[in-house]
Amino acid sequence: MPEPPEERPKGRAPSIRDVARLAGVSHQTVSRVLNHHPSIRPETKQRVLDVMAELQYTPNRAARALVTSRSRTLGILSASSTHYGPASSIAAIEAAARASGYWVSTANIESSDADSIAGGLAHLRAQGIEGLVVIAPQVRVFDTLAELSIDVPYVTLQSTGRDPAHTMSVDQIAGARLATRHLIERGHRVIYHLAGPQDWIEAEARMRGFLDEMGAQDVPTTAPILGDWTADFGYYAGRELLTVRDFTAIFASNDQMALGVMHAVRDAGLEIPRDVSIVGFDDIPEAKHFWPPLTTVRQDFAELGRRCVALLLGDLDPEAPEYRGTIVPELLVRESVGPPAF
């Protein structure tokens, strides 16, 4: 009669040898499963994974790095992680990286000055990252990065036109044109644009898309109003514009500013879309619950994260699928746009 498997001492975290013993395989086989080795038979892999789940076994990243000379860690350098777009991008990249067997380490830099950027890169390099994703909204961040030596494969999520081979982004210009075209097609001819901060790449692209579409449709262009992404600014700008009320529609560069405008319109005793039509950008989770639900441009952050990681791993793994170019956003038509009141 075979002896029962030796029990693991209580209080000790499970090891790779514990997994191997209970799965009836060698610890080298468990290591191959962890490293996604193609020689492992599916039934053996599943048995090992089942035991890992039963034991709640977590691989020791430091030990694996020593054995394989690979950390399987990707780094994210982010300069504005508190805003919806960058935060959503980080979450999407983390999910895509986990699905590919990689960990993610994020360095959030509060300032976009050269010392902060260099410090963030040094922090990530110290963790042995194998690839880098840069989420930085300002052009000056990329000016600084160009002067630094990045010795790992990298991808940027903002399209500056400077390094297309290392860029994966959403087509902000196309998204802004979709929003503007929708207002024009509904009959609006006097449209204001609440833009984002002047030094943001995405704000500049959305403003350019607005101006391009207005020009293409031969509609008189109004000067964009530079904002700061906040609902407070949208409310303030909305109140100021409504003192004159020489417009019928507003395209806000993000949903938060659109929310502020909606508040100002209601405070003025007016109705949306009867008196003013409003379009936002981003499709934040709350946008469909605004009153009325906000017409907006949706960015597919999950797809962005998946393609970003695929592009990055294409430099690490010759067999990984290759993705390049931009993702075209989608206009979500809800109830905040109607025909012009005058």
Protein backbone atom coordinates (compact mmCIF):
# COMPACT_ATOMS: atom_id res chain seq x y z
CA MET A 1 0.00 0.00 0.00
CA PRO A 2 1.55 3.36 -1.06
CA GLU A 3 2.37 5.84 1.64
CA PRO A 4 0.22 9.00 1.78
CA PRO A 5 1.87 12.18 0.47
CA GLU A 6 3.97 13.99 3.00
CA GLU A 7 1.98 16.88 4.46
CA ARG A 8 3.26 20.41 4.21
CA PRO A 9 4.09 21.93 7.63
CA LYS A 10 1.37 24.28 8.75
CA GLY A 11 2.20 27.96 8.49
CA ARG A 12 4.66 27.51 5.61
CA ALA A 13 3.80 28.89 2.18
CA PRO A 14 3.52 26.15 -0.48
CA SER A 15 6.61 25.63 -2.61
CA ILE A 16 7.14 24.39 -6.13
CA ARG A 17 8.12 21.00 -4.67
CA ASP A 18 4.79 20.80 -2.82
CA VAL A 19 3.01 21.34 -6.12
CA ALA A 20 5.17 18.75 -7.86
CA ARG A 21 4.59 16.11 -5.16
CA LEU A 22 0.81 16.47 -5.14
CA ALA A 23 0.61 16.61 -8.94
CA GLY A 24 2.81 13.55 -9.29
CA VAL A 25 5.39 15.28 -11.47
CA SER A 26 8.90 16.63 -11.12
CA HIS A 27 9.55 20.17 -9.96
CA GLN A 28 11.14 20.76 -13.40
CA THR A 29 7.76 19.99 -14.98
CA VAL A 30 6.04 22.50 -12.69
CA SER A 31 8.65 25.07 -13.73
CA ARG A 32 7.91 24.37 -17.40
CA VAL A 33 4.20 24.90 -16.76
CA LEU A 34 4.95 28.23 -15.07
CA ASN A 35 7.06 29.30 -18.04
CA HIS A 36 4.47 28.18 -20.63
CA HIS A 37 6.82 25.62 -22.18
CA PRO A 38 5.24 24.13 -25.33
CA SER A 39 6.45 20.58 -24.57
CA ILE A 40 4.00 20.10 -21.67
CA ARG A 41 1.00 17.90 -22.45
CA PRO A 42 -2.38 19.62 -21.87
CA GLU A 43 -3.54 17.04 -19.28
CA THR A 44 -0.29 17.40 -17.32
CA LYS A 45 -0.51 21.19 -17.44
CA GLN A 46 -4.09 21.13 -16.19
CA ARG A 47 -3.22 18.75 -13.33
CA VAL A 48 -0.41 21.05 -12.20
CA LEU A 49 -2.65 24.14 -12.47
CA ASP A 50 -5.36 22.40 -10.43
CA VAL A 51 -2.89 21.61 -7.65
CA MET A 52 -1.56 25.18 -7.73
CA ALA A 53 -5.11 26.46 -7.27
CA GLU A 54 -5.79 23.98 -4.47
CA LEU A 55 -2.63 25.01 -2.60
CA GLN A 56 -3.07 28.70 -3.50
CA TYR A 57 0.50 28.57 -4.74
CA THR A 58 2.04 31.85 -5.92
CA PRO A 59 5.32 31.66 -7.89
CA ASN A 60 8.26 33.42 -6.30
CA ARG A 61 9.10 36.09 -8.87
CA ALA A 62 12.59 36.72 -7.52
CA ALA A 63 13.49 33.02 -7.59
CA ARG A 64 12.12 32.59 -11.10
CA ALA A 65 14.11 35.59 -12.30
CA LEU A 66 17.33 34.05 -10.91
CA VAL A 67 16.67 30.72 -12.63
CA THR A 68 15.40 31.99 -15.97
CA SER A 69 17.25 35.32 -16.14
CA ARG A 70 13.82 36.83 -16.93
CA SER A 71 11.59 38.83 -14.59
CA ARG A 72 8.46 38.55 -16.79
CA THR A 73 7.70 42.07 -15.59
CA LEU A 74 6.55 45.00 -17.70
CA GLY A 75 6.90 48.56 -16.50
CA ILE A 76 4.47 51.46 -16.88
CA LEU A 77 5.70 55.03 -16.57
CA SER A 78 2.65 57.22 -16.03
CA ALA A 79 2.52 60.98 -15.62
CA SER A 80 -1.24 61.43 -15.09
CA SER A 81 -2.70 58.25 -13.62
CA THR A 82 -5.48 60.07 -11.72
CA HIS A 83 -7.31 61.02 -14.92
CA TYR A 84 -9.86 58.66 -16.44
CA GLY A 85 -8.03 57.90 -19.70
CA PRO A 86 -4.60 57.09 -18.22
CA ALA A 87 -6.13 55.17 -15.30
CA SER A 88 -8.25 53.08 -17.67
CA SER A 89 -5.22 52.44 -19.87
CA ILE A 90 -3.18 51.20 -16.91
CA ALA A 91 -5.95 48.82 -15.82
CA ALA A 92 -6.29 47.47 -19.37
CA ILE A 93 -2.53 46.93 -19.75
CA GLU A 94 -2.36 45.11 -16.41
CA ALA A 95 -5.19 42.78 -17.45
CA ALA A 96 -3.61 42.07 -20.85
CA ALA A 97 -0.18 41.50 -19.30
CA ARG A 98 -1.57 39.02 -16.76
CA ALA A 99 -3.30 37.13 -19.56
CA SER A 100 0.10 36.82 -21.25
CA GLY A 101 1.88 35.63 -18.11
CA TYR A 102 3.51 38.93 -17.18
CA TRP A 103 3.46 41.08 -14.07
CA VAL A 104 3.21 44.86 -14.19
CA SER A 105 5.02 47.46 -12.12
CA THR A 106 3.82 51.07 -12.36
CA ALA A 107 5.82 54.20 -11.58
CA ASN A 108 3.57 57.22 -11.16
CA ILE A 109 5.45 60.49 -11.50
CA GLU A 110 3.77 63.55 -10.03
CA SER A 111 5.77 65.99 -12.14
CA SER A 112 6.81 65.79 -15.78
CA ASP A 113 10.22 67.39 -15.18
CA ALA A 114 13.38 65.60 -16.28
CA ASP A 115 14.43 64.51 -12.78
CA SER A 116 11.06 62.90 -12.03
CA ILE A 117 11.04 61.04 -15.34
CA ALA A 118 14.61 59.80 -14.88
CA GLY A 119 13.76 58.71 -11.33
CA GLY A 120 10.70 56.79 -12.51
CA LEU A 121 12.73 55.00 -15.17
CA ALA A 122 15.46 54.13 -12.66
CA HIS A 123 12.84 52.69 -10.29
CA LEU A 124 11.46 50.44 -13.03
CA ARG A 125 14.89 49.39 -14.29
CA ALA A 126 15.82 48.31 -10.75
CA GLN A 127 12.97 45.78 -10.94
CA GLY A 128 14.40 44.23 -14.07
CA ILE A 129 11.54 45.14 -16.39
CA GLU A 130 11.60 43.46 -19.79
CA GLY A 131 9.48 46.10 -21.52
CA LEU A 132 8.12 49.59 -20.89
CA VAL A 133 4.84 51.39 -21.58
CA VAL A 134 4.87 55.19 -21.42
CA ILE A 135 1.58 56.94 -20.61
CA ALA A 136 2.41 60.62 -20.66
CA PRO A 137 0.00 63.27 -21.93
CA GLN A 138 2.46 66.11 -22.44
CA VAL A 139 4.86 66.52 -25.36
CA ARG A 140 7.62 67.65 -23.00
CA VAL A 141 7.71 64.17 -21.41
CA PHE A 142 8.65 62.67 -24.77
CA ASP A 143 11.27 65.39 -25.29
CA THR A 144 12.89 64.24 -22.05
CA LEU A 145 12.58 60.53 -22.89
CA ALA A 146 14.31 61.14 -26.22
CA GLU A 147 17.35 62.36 -24.30
CA LEU A 148 17.43 59.32 -22.02
CA SER A 149 18.67 55.87 -22.88
CA ILE A 150 15.76 53.38 -22.90
CA ASP A 151 17.46 49.98 -23.14
CA VAL A 152 14.32 47.81 -23.23
CA PRO A 153 11.50 47.49 -25.79
CA TYR A 154 8.95 50.25 -25.24
CA VAL A 155 5.54 51.45 -26.41
CA THR A 156 3.92 54.85 -26.01
CA LEU A 157 0.17 55.40 -25.81
CA GLN A 158 0.12 58.94 -27.18
CA SER A 159 0.56 59.57 -30.88
CA THR A 160 3.12 62.33 -31.30
CA GLY A 161 4.10 61.33 -34.84
CA ARG A 162 7.71 61.08 -33.75
CA ASP A 163 8.07 57.33 -33.21
CA PRO A 164 5.28 55.44 -35.01
CA ALA A 165 7.04 52.06 -34.70
CA HIS A 166 6.65 52.27 -30.91
CA THR A 167 3.18 53.82 -30.72
CA MET A 168 -0.22 52.31 -29.99
CA SER A 169 -3.03 54.81 -29.55
CA VAL A 170 -6.68 55.66 -30.08
CA ASP A 171 -7.28 57.99 -33.05
CA GLN A 172 -8.29 61.09 -31.11
CA ILE A 173 -8.68 63.20 -34.25
CA ALA A 174 -11.11 60.71 -35.78
CA GLY A 175 -13.09 60.59 -32.55
CA ALA A 176 -13.43 64.37 -32.40
CA ARG A 177 -14.50 64.47 -36.03
CA LEU A 178 -17.21 61.87 -35.32
CA ALA A 179 -18.57 64.00 -32.48
CA THR A 180 -18.49 67.24 -34.49
CA ARG A 181 -19.98 65.62 -37.59
CA HIS A 182 -22.89 64.26 -35.54
CA LEU A 183 -23.77 67.76 -34.34
CA ILE A 184 -23.51 69.20 -37.84
CA GLU A 185 -25.66 66.42 -39.29
CA ARG A 186 -28.34 67.22 -36.72
CA GLY A 187 -28.44 70.76 -38.11
CA HIS A 188 -26.14 72.68 -35.75
CA ARG A 189 -24.06 75.49 -37.26
CA VAL A 190 -22.84 77.37 -34.17
CA ILE A 191 -20.86 74.92 -32.09
CA TYR A 192 -18.39 75.67 -29.31
CA HIS A 193 -15.59 73.31 -28.35
CA LEU A 194 -14.40 73.02 -24.75
CA ALA A 195 -10.84 71.78 -25.21
CA GLY A 196 -8.51 70.19 -22.69
CA PRO A 197 -5.27 71.72 -21.37
CA GLN A 198 -3.07 73.24 -24.06
CA ASP A 199 -0.04 71.04 -23.31
CA TRP A 200 -1.94 67.73 -23.51
CA ILE A 201 -1.39 65.67 -26.67
CA GLU A 202 -4.94 64.26 -26.61
CA ALA A 203 -6.50 67.70 -26.06
CA GLU A 204 -4.59 69.07 -29.03
CA ALA A 205 -5.66 66.14 -31.23
CA ARG A 206 -9.34 66.46 -30.28
CA MET A 207 -9.24 70.21 -30.92
CA ARG A 208 -7.65 69.59 -34.31
CA GLY A 209 -10.36 67.03 -35.15
CA PHE A 210 -13.07 69.55 -34.25
CA LEU A 211 -11.51 72.26 -36.42
CA ASP A 212 -10.85 69.86 -39.31
CA GLU A 213 -14.45 68.65 -39.40
CA MET A 214 -15.90 72.16 -39.11
CA GLY A 215 -13.73 73.21 -42.04
CA ALA A 216 -14.55 70.13 -44.10
CA GLN A 217 -18.27 70.76 -43.64
CA ASP A 218 -17.86 74.49 -44.44
CA VAL A 219 -19.28 75.50 -41.06
CA PRO A 220 -18.00 78.76 -39.48
CA THR A 221 -15.44 77.95 -36.82
CA THR A 222 -15.59 79.29 -33.27
CA ALA A 223 -12.42 79.63 -31.21
CA PRO A 224 -11.93 76.61 -28.90
CA ILE A 225 -12.07 77.33 -25.17
CA LEU A 226 -9.13 75.83 -23.27
CA GLY A 227 -10.22 73.97 -20.15
CA ASP A 228 -8.71 71.70 -17.51
CA TRP A 229 -10.76 68.44 -17.85
CA THR A 230 -12.85 69.15 -14.72
CA ALA A 231 -16.61 69.38 -14.30
CA ASP A 232 -16.05 72.63 -12.39
CA PHE A 233 -14.49 74.21 -15.47
CA GLY A 234 -17.33 72.93 -17.65
CA TYR A 235 -19.84 74.52 -15.29
CA TYR A 236 -17.97 77.84 -15.23
CA ALA A 237 -17.55 77.91 -19.02
CA GLY A 238 -21.17 76.92 -19.55
CA ARG A 239 -22.44 79.75 -17.35
CA GLU A 240 -20.27 82.28 -19.19
CA LEU A 241 -21.38 81.08 -22.63
CA LEU A 242 -25.04 81.10 -21.64
CA THR A 243 -24.89 84.81 -20.77
CA VAL A 244 -24.67 85.41 -24.53
CA ARG A 245 -26.24 82.20 -25.81
CA ASP A 246 -25.09 82.61 -29.39
CA PHE A 247 -24.70 78.85 -29.94
CA THR A 248 -26.85 75.72 -30.13
CA ALA A 249 -24.34 72.97 -29.32
CA ILE A 250 -21.17 72.24 -27.34
CA PHE A 251 -18.60 69.52 -27.96
CA ALA A 252 -16.65 68.97 -24.73
CA SER A 253 -13.26 67.28 -24.92
CA ASN A 254 -14.16 64.93 -22.07
CA ASP A 255 -17.25 63.76 -20.23
CA GLN A 256 -16.46 65.55 -16.98
CA MET A 257 -16.48 68.97 -18.63
CA ALA A 258 -19.67 67.97 -20.47
CA LEU A 259 -21.25 67.17 -17.09
CA GLY A 260 -20.37 70.65 -15.83
CA VAL A 261 -21.94 72.23 -18.91
CA MET A 262 -25.12 70.19 -18.37
CA HIS A 263 -25.30 71.51 -14.83
CA ALA A 264 -24.94 75.10 -16.04
CA VAL A 265 -27.66 74.63 -18.66
CA ARG A 266 -30.10 73.34 -16.06
CA ASP A 267 -29.20 76.13 -13.64
CA ALA A 268 -30.12 78.59 -16.41
CA GLY A 269 -33.59 77.05 -16.63
CA LEU A 270 -32.92 75.49 -20.01
CA GLU A 271 -33.35 71.93 -21.25
CA ILE A 272 -31.01 69.46 -22.96
CA PRO A 273 -31.30 68.83 -25.89
CA ARG A 274 -34.25 71.16 -26.51
CA ASP A 275 -32.22 74.33 -25.95
CA VAL A 276 -28.61 73.11 -26.06
CA SER A 277 -27.10 69.89 -27.45
CA ILE A 278 -23.98 68.45 -25.79
CA VAL A 279 -21.45 65.78 -26.81
CA GLY A 280 -18.62 64.49 -24.62
CA PHE A 281 -15.59 62.25 -25.08
CA ASP A 282 -14.40 59.08 -23.24
CA ASP A 283 -17.67 57.36 -22.26
CA ILE A 284 -16.92 57.24 -18.56
CA PRO A 285 -19.10 54.67 -16.73
CA GLU A 286 -21.42 57.39 -15.42
CA ALA A 287 -22.05 59.00 -18.85
CA LYS A 288 -25.05 56.81 -19.62
CA HIS A 289 -26.59 57.86 -16.28
CA PHE A 290 -26.30 61.63 -16.81
CA TRP A 291 -29.62 63.35 -17.40
CA PRO A 292 -30.19 63.12 -20.21
CA PRO A 293 -27.77 60.27 -21.01
CA LEU A 294 -24.72 61.76 -22.70
CA THR A 295 -23.83 61.25 -26.35
CA THR A 296 -20.09 60.66 -26.29
CA VAL A 297 -17.10 59.07 -27.98
CA ARG A 298 -16.07 55.71 -26.59
CA GLN A 299 -12.46 54.62 -26.41
CA ASP A 300 -11.93 50.86 -26.23
CA PHE A 301 -9.36 50.74 -23.46
CA ALA A 302 -9.48 46.94 -23.17
CA GLU A 303 -8.52 46.60 -26.83
CA LEU A 304 -5.88 49.30 -26.42
CA GLY A 305 -4.32 47.38 -23.54
CA ARG A 306 -4.40 44.10 -25.45
CA ARG A 307 -2.80 45.57 -28.56
CA CYS A 308 -0.25 47.53 -26.53
CA VAL A 309 0.95 44.40 -24.75
CA ALA A 310 0.91 42.44 -28.02
CA LEU A 311 3.03 45.10 -29.70
CA LEU A 312 5.44 45.15 -26.78
CA LEU A 313 5.73 41.36 -26.62
CA GLY A 314 6.34 41.32 -30.35
CA ASP A 315 9.77 42.72 -29.50
CA LEU A 316 10.24 40.16 -26.71
CA ASP A 317 8.73 37.09 -28.41
CA PRO A 318 9.14 36.53 -32.16
CA GLU A 319 5.99 34.34 -32.18
CA ALA A 320 3.72 37.00 -30.62
CA PRO A 321 1.14 38.59 -32.97
CA GLU A 322 2.05 42.03 -34.24
CA TYR A 323 -0.22 45.06 -33.96
CA ARG A 324 0.53 48.54 -35.16
CA GLY A 325 -1.38 51.72 -35.87
CA THR A 326 -4.34 53.35 -34.16
CA ILE A 327 -7.70 52.22 -32.84
CA VAL A 328 -10.71 54.07 -34.22
CA PRO A 329 -13.13 55.13 -31.46
CA GLU A 330 -16.91 54.80 -31.57
CA LEU A 331 -19.62 57.46 -31.29
CA LEU A 332 -22.34 56.44 -28.82
CA VAL A 333 -25.53 58.30 -29.65
CA ARG A 334 -27.72 58.85 -26.61
CA GLU A 335 -30.20 61.57 -25.72
CA SER A 336 -28.17 64.76 -25.22
CA VAL A 337 -28.29 65.83 -28.88
CA GLY A 338 -31.28 67.11 -30.80
CA PRO A 339 -32.00 69.60 -33.59
CA PRO A 340 -31.02 73.25 -32.97
CA ALA A 341 -33.50 75.47 -31.12
CA PHE A 342 -32.88 78.39 -33.53
